[in-house]
PDB file of N, CA and C in Angstrom:
ATOM      1  N   UNK A   1      89.570 103.457 107.107  1.00  0.00           N
ATOM      2  CA  UNK A   1      90.658 104.150 105.791  1.00  0.00           C
ATOM      3  C   UNK A   1      90.499 103.415 104.386  1.00  0.00           C
ATOM      4  N   UNK A   2      90.108 101.765 104.923  1.00  0.00           N
ATOM      5  CA  UNK A   2      89.745 101.242 103.410  1.00  0.00           C
ATOM      6  C   UNK A   2      89.262 102.018 102.673  1.00  0.00           C
ATOM      7  N   UNK A   3      87.434 102.270 102.879  1.00  0.00           N
ATOM      8  CA  UNK A   3      87.113 103.005 101.192  1.00  0.00           C
ATOM      9  C   UNK A   3      87.647 103.537 101.182  1.00  0.00           C
ATOM     10  N   UNK A   4      88.380 105.230 101.936  1.00  0.00           N
ATOM     11  CA  UNK A   4      89.063 105.771 101.435  1.00  0.00           C
ATOM     12  C   UNK A   4      90.392 105.671 100.186  1.00  0.00           C
ATOM     13  N   UNK A   5      90.731 104.426 100.653  1.00  0.00           N
ATOM     14  CA  UNK A   5      92.495 104.086  99.767  1.00  0.00           C
ATOM     15  C   UNK A   5      91.403 103.621  98.151  1.00  0.00           C
ATOM     16  N   UNK A   6      90.534 103.076  98.916  1.00  0.00           N
ATOM     17  CA  UNK A   6      90.087 101.739  97.758  1.00  0.00           C
ATOM     18  C   UNK A   6      88.987 103.420  96.380  1.00  0.00           C
ATOM     19  N   UNK A   7      88.547 104.594  97.181  1.00  0.00           N
ATOM     20  CA  UNK A   7      88.105 105.663  96.578  1.00  0.00           C
ATOM     21  C   UNK A   7      89.615 106.542  95.505  1.00  0.00           C
ATOM     22  N   UNK A   8      90.576 106.577  96.231  1.00  0.00           N
ATOM     23  CA  UNK A   8      91.746 107.295  95.803  1.00  0.00           C
ATOM     24  C   UNK A   8      91.941 106.253  94.767  1.00  0.00           C
ATOM     25  N   UNK A   9      92.643 105.187  94.643  1.00  0.00           N
ATOM     26  CA  UNK A   9      93.361 104.282  93.758  1.00  0.00           C
ATOM     27  C   UNK A   9      92.313 104.658  92.313  1.00  0.00           C
ATOM     28  N   UNK A  10      91.074 104.252  92.575  1.00  0.00           N
ATOM     29  CA  UNK A  10      89.705 103.821  92.020  1.00  0.00           C
ATOM     30  C   UNK A  10      89.943 105.126  90.623  1.00  0.00           C
ATOM     31  N   UNK A  11      90.000 106.592  91.530  1.00  0.00           N
ATOM     32  CA  UNK A  11      89.913 108.106  91.006  1.00  0.00           C
ATOM     33  C   UNK A  11      92.139 108.482  89.963  1.00  0.00           C
ATOM     34  N   UNK A  12      92.649 107.286  90.815  1.00  0.00           N
ATOM     35  CA  UNK A  12      93.561 107.601  89.788  1.00  0.00           C
ATOM     36  C   UNK A  12      94.770 107.421  89.247  1.00  0.00           C
ATOM     37  N   UNK A  13      93.302 106.819  88.499  1.00  0.00           N
ATOM     38  CA  UNK A  13      93.629 106.578  86.468  1.00  0.00           C
ATOM     39  C   UNK A  13      92.573 107.493  85.805  1.00  0.00           C
ATOM     40  N   UNK A  14      93.604 108.060  84.547  1.00  0.00           N
ATOM     41  CA  UNK A  14      92.669 108.863  84.090  1.00  0.00           C
ATOM     42  C   UNK A  14      91.785 108.020  82.818  1.00  0.00           C
ATOM     43  N   UNK A  15      91.610 107.261  82.408  1.00  0.00           N
ATOM     44  CA  UNK A  15      90.578 106.154  81.784  1.00  0.00           C
ATOM     45  C   UNK A  15      89.603 105.997  82.755  1.00  0.00           C
ATOM     46  N   UNK A  16      89.366 105.693  83.822  1.00  0.00           N
ATOM     47  CA  UNK A  16      88.775 105.407  85.136  1.00  0.00           C
ATOM     48  C   UNK A  16      88.007 107.361  85.069  1.00  0.00           C
ATOM     49  N   UNK A  17      88.229 107.342  85.177  1.00  0.00           N
ATOM     50  CA  UNK A  17      87.828 109.317  85.201  1.00  0.00           C
ATOM     51  C   UNK A  17      87.404 109.293  84.374  1.00  0.00           C
ATOM     52  N   UNK A  18      87.895 109.288  83.450  1.00  0.00           N
ATOM     53  CA  UNK A  18      86.824 109.490  82.025  1.00  0.00           C
ATOM     54  C   UNK A  18      85.439 108.581  82.389  1.00  0.00           C
ATOM     55  N   UNK A  19      85.623 107.397  82.504  1.00  0.00           N
ATOM     56  CA  UNK A  19      84.496 106.448  81.994  1.00  0.00           C
ATOM     57  C   UNK A  19      82.953 107.381  83.577  1.00  0.00           C
ATOM     58  N   UNK A  20      84.023 108.000  84.773  1.00  0.00           N
ATOM     59  CA  UNK A  20      83.006 108.441  85.659  1.00  0.00           C
ATOM     60  C   UNK A  20      81.947 108.967  85.116  1.00  0.00           C
ATOM     61  N   UNK A  21      83.130 110.507  84.185  1.00  0.00           N
ATOM     62  CA  UNK A  21      82.654 111.615  83.455  1.00  0.00           C
ATOM     63  C   UNK A  21      81.525 111.251  82.511  1.00  0.00           C
ATOM     64  N   UNK A  22      81.612 110.422  81.800  1.00  0.00           N
ATOM     65  CA  UNK A  22      80.476 109.963  81.061  1.00  0.00           C
ATOM     66  C   UNK A  22      79.337 109.516  81.393  1.00  0.00           C
ATOM     67  N   UNK A  23      79.132 109.203  82.534  1.00  0.00           N
ATOM     68  CA  UNK A  23      78.273 107.826  82.820  1.00  0.00           C
ATOM     69  C   UNK A  23      77.433 108.850  83.545  1.00  0.00           C
ATOM     70  N   UNK A  24      78.035 109.715  83.796  1.00  0.00           N
ATOM     71  CA  UNK A  24      77.193 111.205  85.248  1.00  0.00           C
ATOM     72  C   UNK A  24      76.368 111.248  83.394  1.00  0.00           C
ATOM     73  N   UNK A  25      76.245 111.429  82.237  1.00  0.00           N
ATOM     74  CA  UNK A  25      75.992 111.428  80.988  1.00  0.00           C
ATOM     75  C   UNK A  25      74.144 110.379  80.981  1.00  0.00           C
ATOM     76  N   UNK A  26      74.528 109.384  80.820  1.00  0.00           N
ATOM     77  CA  UNK A  26      74.325 108.227  81.427  1.00  0.00           C
ATOM     78  C   UNK A  26      74.437 106.581  81.972  1.00  0.00           C
ATOM     79  N   UNK A  27      73.647 106.004  81.662  1.00  0.00           N
ATOM     80  CA  UNK A  27      74.094 104.261  82.175  1.00  0.00           C
ATOM     81  C   UNK A  27      74.727 104.023  80.639  1.00  0.00           C
ATOM     82  N   UNK A  28      75.308 102.582  80.212  1.00  0.00           N
ATOM     83  CA  UNK A  28      76.042 102.794  79.701  1.00  0.00           C
ATOM     84  C   UNK A  28      76.611 101.034  79.747  1.00  0.00           C
ATOM     85  N   UNK A  29      76.437 100.320  78.322  1.00  0.00           N
ATOM     86  CA  UNK A  29      77.097  98.891  78.309  1.00  0.00           C
ATOM     87  C   UNK A  29      78.499  99.481  78.178  1.00  0.00           C
ATOM     88  N   UNK A  30      79.696  97.752  78.850  1.00  0.00           N
ATOM     89  CA  UNK A  30      80.497  97.848  78.479  1.00  0.00           C
ATOM     90  C   UNK A  30      81.431  98.063  76.815  1.00  0.00           C
ATOM     91  N   UNK A  31      80.615  97.933  75.681  1.00  0.00           N
ATOM     92  CA  UNK A  31      80.423  97.731  74.626  1.00  0.00           C
ATOM     93  C   UNK A  31      80.822  99.282  74.014  1.00  0.00           C
ATOM     94  N   UNK A  32      79.833  99.684  75.569  1.00  0.00           N
ATOM     95  CA  UNK A  32      79.845 102.053  74.870  1.00  0.00           C
ATOM     96  C   UNK A  32      80.450 102.268  75.116  1.00  0.00           C
ATOM     97  N   UNK A  33      81.584 101.963  76.226  1.00  0.00           N
ATOM     98  CA  UNK A  33      82.486 102.868  76.482  1.00  0.00           C
ATOM     99  C   UNK A  33      83.394 102.287  76.318  1.00  0.00           C
ATOM    100  N   UNK A  34      84.040 101.121  75.757  1.00  0.00           N
ATOM    101  CA  UNK A  34      84.604 100.552  74.732  1.00  0.00           C
ATOM    102  C   UNK A  34      84.619 101.249  73.656  1.00  0.00           C
ATOM    103  N   UNK A  35      84.014 101.528  72.857  1.00  0.00           N
ATOM    104  CA  UNK A  35      84.274 102.082  71.709  1.00  0.00           C
ATOM    105  C   UNK A  35      84.280 103.777  72.045  1.00  0.00           C
ATOM    106  N   UNK A  36      83.388 104.734  73.470  1.00  0.00           N
ATOM    107  CA  UNK A  36      84.500 105.671  73.171  1.00  0.00           C
ATOM    108  C   UNK A  36      85.608 106.139  73.242  1.00  0.00           C
ATOM    109  N   UNK A  37      85.329 105.342  74.860  1.00  0.00           N
ATOM    110  CA  UNK A  37      87.229 105.360  74.619  1.00  0.00           C
ATOM    111  C   UNK A  37      88.500 104.620  74.091  1.00  0.00           C
ATOM    112  N   UNK A  38      88.267 103.279  73.269  1.00  0.00           N
ATOM    113  CA  UNK A  38      89.102 103.331  72.766  1.00  0.00           C
ATOM    114  C   UNK A  38      90.020 102.080  73.249  1.00  0.00           C
ATOM    115  N   UNK A  39      89.419 101.091  74.537  1.00  0.00           N
ATOM    116  CA  UNK A  39      89.790 100.846  74.854  1.00  0.00           C
ATOM    117  C   UNK A  39      89.932  98.873  74.574  1.00  0.00           C
ATOM    118  N   UNK A  40      90.572  97.845  75.262  1.00  0.00           N
ATOM    119  CA  UNK A  40      89.765  96.979  74.638  1.00  0.00           C
ATOM    120  C   UNK A  40      88.822  96.413  75.616  1.00  0.00           C
ATOM    121  N   UNK A  41      88.055  95.186  75.694  1.00  0.00           N
ATOM    122  CA  UNK A  41      87.102  95.250  75.674  1.00  0.00           C
ATOM    123  C   UNK A  41      87.601  94.825  77.850  1.00  0.00           C
ATOM    124  N   UNK A  42      88.543  93.633  77.416  1.00  0.00           N
ATOM    125  CA  UNK A  42      88.975  93.375  79.417  1.00  0.00           C
ATOM    126  C   UNK A  42      89.114  94.318  79.937  1.00  0.00           C
ATOM    127  N   UNK A  43      90.249  95.486  79.560  1.00  0.00           N
ATOM    128  CA  UNK A  43      90.319  96.577  80.112  1.00  0.00           C
ATOM    129  C   UNK A  43      89.816  97.419  80.444  1.00  0.00           C
ATOM    130  N   UNK A  44      88.554  97.633  80.280  1.00  0.00           N
ATOM    131  CA  UNK A  44      87.373  98.430  80.359  1.00  0.00           C
ATOM    132  C   UNK A  44      86.758  98.067  81.673  1.00  0.00           C
ATOM    133  N   UNK A  45      86.468  96.079  81.619  1.00  0.00           N
ATOM    134  CA  UNK A  45      85.856  95.659  82.353  1.00  0.00           C
ATOM    135  C   UNK A  45      86.660  95.733  83.882  1.00  0.00           C
ATOM    136  N   UNK A  46      87.988  95.506  83.796  1.00  0.00           N
ATOM    137  CA  UNK A  46      89.086  95.653  84.795  1.00  0.00           C
ATOM    138  C   UNK A  46      88.999  97.011  85.536  1.00  0.00           C
ATOM    139  N   UNK A  47      88.033  98.007  84.617  1.00  0.00           N
ATOM    140  CA  UNK A  47      87.928  99.692  85.283  1.00  0.00           C
ATOM    141  C   UNK A  47      87.098  99.176  85.983  1.00  0.00           C
ATOM    142  N   UNK A  48      86.247  98.659  85.348  1.00  0.00           N
ATOM    143  CA  UNK A  48      84.518  98.885  85.237  1.00  0.00           C
ATOM    144  C   UNK A  48      84.628  98.384  87.303  1.00  0.00           C
ATOM    145  N   UNK A  49      84.718  97.063  86.994  1.00  0.00           N
ATOM    146  CA  UNK A  49      85.267  96.563  88.582  1.00  0.00           C
ATOM    147  C   UNK A  49      85.280  97.127  89.445  1.00  0.00           C
ATOM    148  N   UNK A  50      87.052  97.504  89.804  1.00  0.00           N
ATOM    149  CA  UNK A  50      87.434  98.231  90.823  1.00  0.00           C
ATOM    150  C   UNK A  50      86.718  99.663  90.412  1.00  0.00           C
ATOM    151  N   UNK A  51      86.122 100.377  90.006  1.00  0.00           N
ATOM    152  CA  UNK A  51      85.188 101.561  90.114  1.00  0.00           C
ATOM    153  C   UNK A  51      83.948 101.420  91.081  1.00  0.00           C
ATOM    154  N   UNK A  52      83.756  99.423  90.956  1.00  0.00           N
ATOM    155  CA  UNK A  52      82.342  99.025  91.305  1.00  0.00           C
ATOM    156  C   UNK A  52      82.625  98.562  92.425  1.00  0.00           C
ATOM    157  N   UNK A  53      83.935  98.064  93.075  1.00  0.00           N
ATOM    158  CA  UNK A  53      84.765  97.982  94.147  1.00  0.00           C
ATOM    159  C   UNK A  53      84.633  98.763  95.714  1.00  0.00           C
ATOM    160  N   UNK A  54      85.094  99.710  94.685  1.00  0.00           N
ATOM    161  CA  UNK A  54      84.972 101.165  95.186  1.00  0.00           C
ATOM    162  C   UNK A  54      84.282 101.752  95.814  1.00  0.00           C
ATOM    163  N   UNK A  55      82.165 101.523  95.257  1.00  0.00           N
ATOM    164  CA  UNK A  55      81.566 102.133  95.516  1.00  0.00           C
ATOM    165  C   UNK A  55      81.430 103.572  94.779  1.00  0.00           C
ATOM    166  N   UNK A  56      81.528 103.193  93.247  1.00  0.00           N
ATOM    167  CA  UNK A  56      82.079 104.370  92.946  1.00  0.00           C
ATOM    168  C   UNK A  56      80.443 104.552  91.260  1.00  0.00           C
ATOM    169  N   UNK A  57      80.333 103.303  90.489  1.00  0.00           N
ATOM    170  CA  UNK A  57      79.963 103.074  89.620  1.00  0.00           C
ATOM    171  C   UNK A  57      78.555 101.503  90.562  1.00  0.00           C
ATOM    172  N   UNK A  58      77.729 101.493  89.834  1.00  0.00           N
ATOM    173  CA  UNK A  58      76.850  99.837  90.778  1.00  0.00           C
ATOM    174  C   UNK A  58      76.470  99.797  88.789  1.00  0.00           C
ATOM    175  N   UNK A  59      76.908  98.509  88.917  1.00  0.00           N
ATOM    176  CA  UNK A  59      75.769  97.542  87.484  1.00  0.00           C
ATOM    177  C   UNK A  59      74.778  96.887  87.477  1.00  0.00           C
ATOM    178  N   UNK A  60      74.112  96.770  86.614  1.00  0.00           N
ATOM    179  CA  UNK A  60      72.499  96.078  86.818  1.00  0.00           C
ATOM    180  C   UNK A  60      72.392  95.017  85.315  1.00  0.00           C
ATOM    181  N   UNK A  61      72.178  93.818  85.373  1.00  0.00           N
ATOM    182  CA  UNK A  61      71.786  92.874  84.338  1.00  0.00           C
ATOM    183  C   UNK A  61      70.381  93.390  83.608  1.00  0.00           C
ATOM    184  N   UNK A  62      70.238  94.051  82.192  1.00  0.00           N
ATOM    185  CA  UNK A  62      68.785  93.730  80.905  1.00  0.00           C
ATOM    186  C   UNK A  62      68.922  92.762  80.184  1.00  0.00           C
ATOM    187  N   UNK A  63      69.293  91.913  80.197  1.00  0.00           N
ATOM    188  CA  UNK A  63      69.196  90.293  79.403  1.00  0.00           C
ATOM    189  C   UNK A  63      69.999  90.636  78.949  1.00  0.00           C
ATOM    190  N   UNK A  64      70.807  90.518  77.942  1.00  0.00           N
ATOM    191  CA  UNK A  64      72.213  90.060  77.745  1.00  0.00           C
ATOM    192  C   UNK A  64      73.460  91.278  77.785  1.00  0.00           C
ATOM    193  N   UNK A  65      72.531  92.446  78.687  1.00  0.00           N
ATOM    194  CA  UNK A  65      73.839  93.828  79.024  1.00  0.00           C
ATOM    195  C   UNK A  65      73.730  93.367  80.063  1.00  0.00           C
ATOM    196  N   UNK A  66      75.139  93.961  80.627  1.00  0.00           N
ATOM    197  CA  UNK A  66      75.356  94.629  81.694  1.00  0.00           C
ATOM    198  C   UNK A  66      75.527  96.385  81.890  1.00  0.00           C
ATOM    199  N   UNK A  67      74.463  96.744  82.575  1.00  0.00           N
ATOM    200  CA  UNK A  67      74.581  98.479  82.707  1.00  0.00           C
ATOM    201  C   UNK A  67      75.423  98.975  83.827  1.00  0.00           C
ATOM    202  N   UNK A  68      76.114  99.990  82.980  1.00  0.00           N
ATOM    203  CA  UNK A  68      76.946 100.518  84.242  1.00  0.00           C
ATOM    204  C   UNK A  68      76.483 101.841  84.787  1.00  0.00           C
ATOM    205  N   UNK A  69      76.189 102.499  85.652  1.00  0.00           N
ATOM    206  CA  UNK A  69      75.768 104.086  85.835  1.00  0.00           C
ATOM    207  C   UNK A  69      76.109 104.265  87.588  1.00  0.00           C
ATOM    208  N   UNK A  70      76.492 105.789  87.933  1.00  0.00           N
ATOM    209  CA  UNK A  70      77.070 105.713  88.935  1.00  0.00           C
ATOM    210  C   UNK A  70      76.387 105.335  90.061  1.00  0.00           C
ATOM    211  N   UNK A  71      77.330 105.403  91.265  1.00  0.00           N
ATOM    212  CA  UNK A  71      76.294 104.610  92.293  1.00  0.00           C
ATOM    213  C   UNK A  71      75.844 105.719  92.764  1.00  0.00           C
ATOM    214  N   UNK A  72      74.714 106.073  93.386  1.00  0.00           N
ATOM    215  CA  UNK A  72      74.433 106.548  94.767  1.00  0.00           C
ATOM    216  C   UNK A  72      75.288 107.056  95.496  1.00  0.00           C
ATOM    217  N   UNK A  73      76.558 106.114  96.269  1.00  0.00           N
ATOM    218  CA  UNK A  73      77.289 106.616  97.075  1.00  0.00           C
ATOM    219  C   UNK A  73      76.841 106.380  98.305  1.00  0.00           C
ATOM    220  N   UNK A  74      75.572 106.980  98.777  1.00  0.00           N
ATOM    221  CA  UNK A  74      75.153 105.907 100.061  1.00  0.00           C
ATOM    222  C   UNK A  74      75.767 105.027 101.103  1.00  0.00           C
ATOM    223  N   UNK A  75      76.193 104.226 101.088  1.00  0.00           N
ATOM    224  CA  UNK A  75      77.220 103.098 101.423  1.00  0.00           C
ATOM    225  C   UNK A  75      78.545 103.128 101.747  1.00  0.00           C
ATOM    226  N   UNK A  76      79.483 104.771 100.967  1.00  0.00           N
ATOM    227  CA  UNK A  76      80.358 105.237 101.301  1.00  0.00           C
ATOM    228  C   UNK A  76      80.968 106.463 100.959  1.00  0.00           C
ATOM    229  N   UNK A  77      80.903 107.241 102.389  1.00  0.00           N
ATOM    230  CA  UNK A  77      81.050 108.768 102.119  1.00  0.00           C
ATOM    231  C   UNK A  77      82.038 109.186 101.202  1.00  0.00           C
ATOM    232  N   UNK A  78      82.903 108.124 101.125  1.00  0.00           N
ATOM    233  CA  UNK A  78      83.996 109.045 100.305  1.00  0.00           C
ATOM    234  C   UNK A  78      83.978 108.680  98.882  1.00  0.00           C
ATOM    235  N   UNK A  79      82.873 108.138  98.854  1.00  0.00           N
ATOM    236  CA  UNK A  79      82.682 107.870  97.017  1.00  0.00           C
ATOM    237  C   UNK A  79      81.404 108.964  96.823  1.00  0.00           C
ATOM    238  N   UNK A  80      80.867 108.809  97.694  1.00  0.00           N
ATOM    239  CA  UNK A  80      79.135 110.186  97.548  1.00  0.00           C
ATOM    240  C   UNK A  80      80.315 111.336  97.732  1.00  0.00           C
ATOM    241  N   UNK A  81      81.262 112.194  98.275  1.00  0.00           N
ATOM    242  CA  UNK A  81      81.850 113.293  97.890  1.00  0.00           C
ATOM    243  C   UNK A  81      82.151 113.376  96.905  1.00  0.00           C
ATOM    244  N   UNK A  82      83.375 112.534  96.750  1.00  0.00           N
ATOM    245  CA  UNK A  82      84.597 112.597  95.272  1.00  0.00           C
ATOM    246  C   UNK A  82      83.096 112.176  93.933  1.00  0.00           C
ATOM    247  N   UNK A  83      82.034 111.739  93.998  1.00  0.00           N
ATOM    248  CA  UNK A  83      80.899 111.545  92.825  1.00  0.00           C
ATOM    249  C   UNK A  83      80.172 112.716  93.076  1.00  0.00           C
ATOM    250  N   UNK A  84      79.980 113.477  94.462  1.00  0.00           N
ATOM    251  CA  UNK A  84      79.264 115.309  93.940  1.00  0.00           C
ATOM    252  C   UNK A  84      80.381 116.062  93.188  1.00  0.00           C
ATOM    253  N   UNK A  85      82.081 116.002  94.276  1.00  0.00           N
ATOM    254  CA  UNK A  85      83.119 116.920  93.390  1.00  0.00           C
ATOM    255  C   UNK A  85      82.861 116.885  91.940  1.00  0.00           C
ATOM    256  N   UNK A  86      83.298 115.086  91.035  1.00  0.00           N
ATOM    257  CA  UNK A  86      83.570 115.325  90.037  1.00  0.00           C
ATOM    258  C   UNK A  86      82.782 115.780  89.162  1.00  0.00           C
ATOM    259  N   UNK A  87      81.755 116.098  89.508  1.00  0.00           N
ATOM    260  CA  UNK A  87      80.212 116.490  88.936  1.00  0.00           C
ATOM    261  C   UNK A  87      80.542 118.507  87.798  1.00  0.00           C
ATOM    262  N   UNK A  88      81.588 118.630  88.899  1.00  0.00           N
ATOM    263  CA  UNK A  88      82.269 119.758  88.133  1.00  0.00           C
ATOM    264  C   UNK A  88      83.706 120.046  87.733  1.00  0.00           C
ATOM    265  N   UNK A  89      84.018 118.724  88.068  1.00  0.00           N
ATOM    266  CA  UNK A  89      85.517 119.142  87.444  1.00  0.00           C
ATOM    267  C   UNK A  89      85.475 118.751  85.662  1.00  0.00           C
ATOM    268  N   UNK A  90      86.432 119.241  85.457  1.00  0.00           N
ATOM    269  CA  UNK A  90      86.759 118.457  83.965  1.00  0.00           C
ATOM    270  C   UNK A  90      86.068 118.683  83.241  1.00  0.00           C
ATOM    271  N   UNK A  91      85.340 119.857  83.344  1.00  0.00           N
ATOM    272  CA  UNK A  91      83.658 120.045  82.343  1.00  0.00           C
ATOM    273  C   UNK A  91      84.790 120.955  81.141  1.00  0.00           C
ATOM    274  N   UNK A  92      85.743 121.270  81.576  1.00  0.00           N
ATOM    275  CA  UNK A  92      86.353 122.350  80.630  1.00  0.00           C
ATOM    276  C   UNK A  92      87.549 121.660  79.750  1.00  0.00           C
ATOM    277  N   UNK A  93      88.284 120.095  80.065  1.00  0.00           N
ATOM    278  CA  UNK A  93      88.439 119.774  79.520  1.00  0.00           C
ATOM    279  C   UNK A  93      88.740 119.184  78.482  1.00  0.00           C
ATOM    280  N   UNK A  94      89.123 119.645  76.994  1.00  0.00           N
ATOM    281  CA  UNK A  94      88.890 119.200  76.017  1.00  0.00           C
ATOM    282  C   UNK A  94      88.730 117.586  75.477  1.00  0.00           C
ATOM    283  N   UNK A  95      89.420 117.110  76.277  1.00  0.00           N
ATOM    284  CA  UNK A  95      89.023 115.232  75.888  1.00  0.00           C
ATOM    285  C   UNK A  95      88.097 115.213  76.357  1.00  0.00           C
ATOM    286  N   UNK A  96      87.524 115.133  77.629  1.00  0.00           N
ATOM    287  CA  UNK A  96      86.323 114.458  78.233  1.00  0.00           C
ATOM    288  C   UNK A  96      84.965 115.633  77.179  1.00  0.00           C
ATOM    289  N   UNK A  97      84.975 116.834  77.169  1.00  0.00           N
ATOM    290  CA  UNK A  97      84.250 117.500  76.530  1.00  0.00           C
ATOM    291  C   UNK A  97      83.866 116.551  75.427  1.00  0.00           C
ATOM    292  N   UNK A  98      84.790 115.867  74.340  1.00  0.00           N
ATOM    293  CA  UNK A  98      85.034 115.989  73.473  1.00  0.00           C
ATOM    294  C   UNK A  98      84.249 114.031  73.229  1.00  0.00           C
ATOM    295  N   UNK A  99      85.014 113.546  74.428  1.00  0.00           N
ATOM    296  CA  UNK A  99      83.606 112.168  74.995  1.00  0.00           C
ATOM    297  C   UNK A  99      82.328 112.473  75.429  1.00  0.00           C
ATOM    298  N   UNK A 100      82.233 113.167  76.142  1.00  0.00           N
ATOM    299  CA  UNK A 100      80.914 114.325  76.325  1.00  0.00           C
ATOM    300  C   UNK A 100      79.723 114.334  75.085  1.00  0.00           C
ATOM    301  N   UNK A 101      80.410 114.750  74.037  1.00  0.00           N
ATOM    302  CA  UNK A 101      79.746 115.485  72.909  1.00  0.00           C
ATOM    303  C   UNK A 101      79.127 114.057  72.290  1.00  0.00           C
ATOM    304  N   UNK A 102      79.390 113.008  72.295  1.00  0.00           N
ATOM    305  CA  UNK A 102      79.578 111.954  71.469  1.00  0.00           C
ATOM    306  C   UNK A 102      78.802 111.047  72.358  1.00  0.00           C
ATOM    307  N   UNK A 103      78.128 110.571  73.766  1.00  0.00           N
ATOM    308  CA  UNK A 103      77.602 110.264  74.701  1.00  0.00           C
ATOM    309  C   UNK A 103      76.180 110.221  73.992  1.00  0.00           C
ATOM    310  N   UNK A 104      75.897 111.064  74.351  1.00  0.00           N
ATOM    311  CA  UNK A 104      74.102 110.806  73.658  1.00  0.00           C
ATOM    312  C   UNK A 104      73.846 110.293  71.841  1.00  0.00           C
ATOM    313  N   UNK A 105      74.812 109.766  71.250  1.00  0.00           N
ATOM    314  CA  UNK A 105      74.653 109.570  69.676  1.00  0.00           C
ATOM    315  C   UNK A 105      75.373 108.387  69.841  1.00  0.00           C
ATOM    316  N   UNK A 106      75.823 107.372  70.878  1.00  0.00           N
ATOM    317  CA  UNK A 106      76.450 106.464  70.916  1.00  0.00           C
ATOM    318  C   UNK A 106      74.942 105.697  71.113  1.00  0.00           C
ATOM    319  N   UNK A 107      74.637 104.665  69.946  1.00  0.00           N
ATOM    320  CA  UNK A 107      74.135 103.680  69.468  1.00  0.00           C
ATOM    321  C   UNK A 107      74.292 102.404  69.815  1.00  0.00           C
ATOM    322  N   UNK A 108      73.356 101.376  71.205  1.00  0.00           N
ATOM    323  CA  UNK A 108      74.300 100.105  71.747  1.00  0.00           C
ATOM    324  C   UNK A 108      73.813  99.191  70.218  1.00  0.00           C
ATOM    325  N   UNK A 109      72.846  99.121  70.039  1.00  0.00           N
ATOM    326  CA  UNK A 109      72.601  98.345  68.915  1.00  0.00           C
ATOM    327  C   UNK A 109      74.044  98.281  67.604  1.00  0.00           C
ATOM    328  N   UNK A 110      74.273  99.423  67.382  1.00  0.00           N
ATOM    329  CA  UNK A 110      75.043  99.782  66.309  1.00  0.00           C
ATOM    330  C   UNK A 110      76.290  98.910  66.686  1.00  0.00           C
ATOM    331  N   UNK A 111      76.939  99.380  67.741  1.00  0.00           N
ATOM    332  CA  UNK A 111      78.017  98.845  68.352  1.00  0.00           C
ATOM    333  C   UNK A 111      77.781  97.198  68.538  1.00  0.00           C
ATOM    334  N   UNK A 112      76.852  97.300  69.674  1.00  0.00           N
ATOM    335  CA  UNK A 112      77.291  95.130  69.641  1.00  0.00           C
ATOM    336  C   UNK A 112      77.028  94.387  68.703  1.00  0.00           C
ATOM    337  N   UNK A 113      75.919  95.004  68.420  1.00  0.00           N
ATOM    338  CA  UNK A 113      75.116  93.687  66.703  1.00  0.00           C
ATOM    339  C   UNK A 113      74.863  92.765  67.540  1.00  0.00           C
ATOM    340  N   UNK A 114      73.162  93.142  68.073  1.00  0.00           N
ATOM    341  CA  UNK A 114      71.940  92.014  69.186  1.00  0.00           C
ATOM    342  C   UNK A 114      72.571  90.820  68.859  1.00  0.00           C
TER     343      UNK A 114
END
């Protein structure tokens, strides 16, 4: 039951759902997600930690960057099911649509100033 509760708790926040929806397009770093959502870096990091603990996202380090992507869900059947269901959900939501329109053109080099 613990895994189920973690997934449900992670999905209970609109910002975390937005993060999952934008990560469906491509993997992103914290500064890119911060720019897209207009939230503070510590807030984004807390959301990502909760999503990672629930098995919904994975992180990997690439030099200075920590990149986040959707998890495979293979370790948590609840996370896997939630991610599969989320694929078709909210795609017609105006806020999600506008976020998804910007994801392909976001440029980490300009945002994070390497």
